[in-house]
Amino acid sequence: MSEAKHWSEQARPAAMALVSVLSVVGIGICVYMTQHHEISLYGGENMQMELWGCAEAEGVNCDVVNTSDWSELFGVPLFTWGLPFYALLAYLSAASARARRDLVTLIGLLGAAASVYSLLLWYVSVHELGNVCLWCKRLYGVNFAVAGLALAAGGFRLPRPTKAALLQAGGLWLALTVIAVGAQKAYRSTLLGDAGATALASVEHNEGGAEAAWVHDVEPKGAPPAISFDVVTEDKKSAVLTVEPDDAWKGNPNAKVAVVEFADLQCGYCKRASAQLKRLYEAYGDQVVVVYKHYPMDPSCNPGVNNRRHVYACGAAVASVCAQDQGKFWAFHDLAYKNQHQLKAADLRVYAQKVGLDMPTFEQCVRAPASLARVRADATAGAALDIHGTPRIFINGRLYRAGNSAEQLAQAIEVALGHTGPQALDAARALADAGEDVTPIPADVPAMQEVRYGELHFAIDTFEAGLTNGAATSGKHEIPGVRMSWFAAKDACAAAGKRLCTEQEWIAACQGALPVDDNSDGHYADDLIEGTAYPYSDYHTPGRCWDGRDRGDFRPVYTGEMPGCVSRDGVYDLTGNVEEWVGDSPERAVLMGGAYDTTEDHARCYRPNDTFGPGFANVRTGFRCCKTLE
C-alpha cells in the first residue's frame, strides 16, 4: 500500500466524521433560512423575522438575497432543496466512516457539484442582486469543505460506488426531498392561512379619537408630471423610466427632484421605505415630486416575477388604482400599509369605505379589466428596468441603493438638488429629523393619566409598573417589574388599589383612539388600526422606544428613559422595554407592546403575544395598572 493511500485510509474515518458534522450544520442553516424566506414573503407584516448573524452593510443583505427572484426553484426555497442534500450527506458520511469506502467517492462528487453550484449562486448574488448573504457564504464554505474532506480521504482513488449504492442513495434523496418539500408547503399554507385572517365586517365612527395619521390632503391637483429618465438598470443595462399620466403622484410636478418608487402593498420592506419617503416628502415639500408605481410580487398581475410571494398584492394594487380614480390613492395607500397584515378583499373594501370612496363605483372599478391592466402596465415597466425585488427607488432616474433611513434618502435628494459637502450633509440630517423633536418628561408628570374615548373612561399608569413590597408603583426612573406572570401582575395591581388593564384600554392608550372589535371575537389587537401603529406615529422611528436591541447585550432600562416613546395621552414606554400583561381574566391574558429585544415590526400597539399562558414569566415580562373612572 502506497504512503498516500495509507494516509488517506487512516484519515477517512476522521474526515467522514467531519463531513457528518458539516452536514448537520448545513441542515441547521437550511432550516433557519427556509423559515426566514417563508416568513418574509408569506407571513405578512405581522410575522417579520430578523436574521441573526447577517448584519446589513454595503453589499451585504441576507434579506434581499433570500427573498429575491432567485431564492426559489419551482416555487420552493433553495434552502429547502438543500435539506435533503445535507441529510443524504449525513447518512453517506456515517456509512462510509464505518465500512462503505465506495461512498467516499460519491460524497466527493456531491461536494464538488455543490461547490460549483455555490460559485454560480455567488455570481448571481454579486452581479444580479448586488448583495451577498452571509448565511449563504457559510453554506458555500460547508460545500467546499465537504469536497476537500472527501478528497483528503482518498475519494477519487477509492472504488466507485456500485449501481445498487447509487440507486439506494437516489431513493433516499427522493424520499427526503418529498418530506422536506411537503413540510415546507405545509408551513407556507399555515402562514398563508394566518395572513390577513381577520375579515373586517364593519367600520364604526371613533368618537373622541385622534384624527388618523393617514388622513392628510396630499392628493395631487393639476396636471401630472411629464418626465422621463435614461437609467442604468439593476442588470447594468440602459433603459428609459417614464412617469405616465395615470401614475399615482404627489408634490410639485415641476420639481427639480423626482422620486419614483416601485412597490408592493404587501411587502414589509416597502412599508418601512414608505415611512421614510413620507418623512422626506413632508420635509422637502415643493422641492420634490413623489411617484408610485405598482410592482406586486405575484405573476398573476406582474409578468416580471416568476413566483407568487404575496398572495394579496395584486388585489391591493387594483384596489389602490380604484382609490386613485376617486382621488384617494395616498389615503388608501397609507391605510393599507398600516393594516398590512389584513389585505383580503373584504379588508380592502373596509379601507375603501374608511377613506370615503363611493362604494358602488369602487366595486365596479375593482372588477374592471382596465384596472388590472394599469397594474400590469406598471409591472411591465418595472420588468423592463430589471427590477428583482421591492421596494426599488429611483431618484432623478438613478437607482437608489443605499439604506432606507430618512437621512440617507435625504442625502441622495440633496445631491440631486445640486448640494454637496458638509452643508448638504447637515441639511439632510436636519430635514430627515424634521418633526422628530422629543420633549423632556415634565417634572410634575402624574403617576396615572386619564384616558377617555367615547364611553371608555379610565386611568392608566404613566410608566411601566415597578414593585415595592409586592405592590405596583408608577414613576419615572424606577426599575420596572420583570419576571412577572399575569397572576403576579394582577396581585401587584390589586395591592396598589388598581387592576390590570384590559386589552381595549391598553390599545386605546397606545394608539390614541377607541379600539373597535370589528369581528366581534372579544379581542381588539387583531382588528383595524383606528389610531396610530406606534404610540408616537404610524411609522417606526429608531431610538424613540427601547426596542430592537440584541438580547445578549441589553436588558430593560429604567422607566421613562426614552422620553420620545410617549403616546398622545402622555403614557410612556407602551412599546419596547418589557412586554406588558393585560386582560381581566386568565383566559384573556395577553402580552402587549413587545420588549427590548423585539423587532420594530412587532414592538407596536397592535401586536399581541398570546404564545404563552398566564403563568409565563421571564426578564422580558412586566405590566402596568389601570383604574376605572366614572
Foldseek 3Di string as FASTA:
>chain_A
DDPLLVQLQVLLLVLLVVLLVLLVVLLVLLVVLLVQQLCQQQQFLQRHDDDPPFDDDQQADQNQLCNWLPQDDPQGGPSLLSNLVSVLSNVLSVVCSVPCVQSLLVQLVSLVVVLVVLVVSVCCSCQQRSHDYPSSVVNNVSSPSSNVSSVSSVNVVDDHDDPVVVVVSVVSSVVSSCVSVVVSVVVSVVSNCQQQVDQFDDDDDFFPFDDAPLDDPFQDDDFAAFDKAFAQFSNRDTDMGTDDRLWGKGAASPALKEKEKEAFLRRNVQLQLVVLVVLLCVLCGNNYMYTYAYAHQACVLAVLHDYHRYPLRLLLQLLLSLCVVVRRNSSLSLQCNLVSSNRPPSNSLNSCVVSPHDNVSSVVSSPDVVSSVRNSVRNVSVSVSSDTDDTWMAMRRYTDDDDSQNLSVQLVVCVSVVDDDPVSSVVSVCSSCPPVDFDADDPPDDQWFWDDIPPATKIWGQKFWCDDPLATGGDFQADFDFQDFLVSQQSNPVVVVFGFAALQVLLCQFFRTGFDPSRPPPHRLNDRRPGAFGQQHVHDDPQQALAQDDPVPDAAGTIRPRRSRAHPRNRHRSAEAAFAWHHPDQVRTWTDQYYNNHDPSQRTSRHTHPVDGRNGGDRRYGHITMHGDD
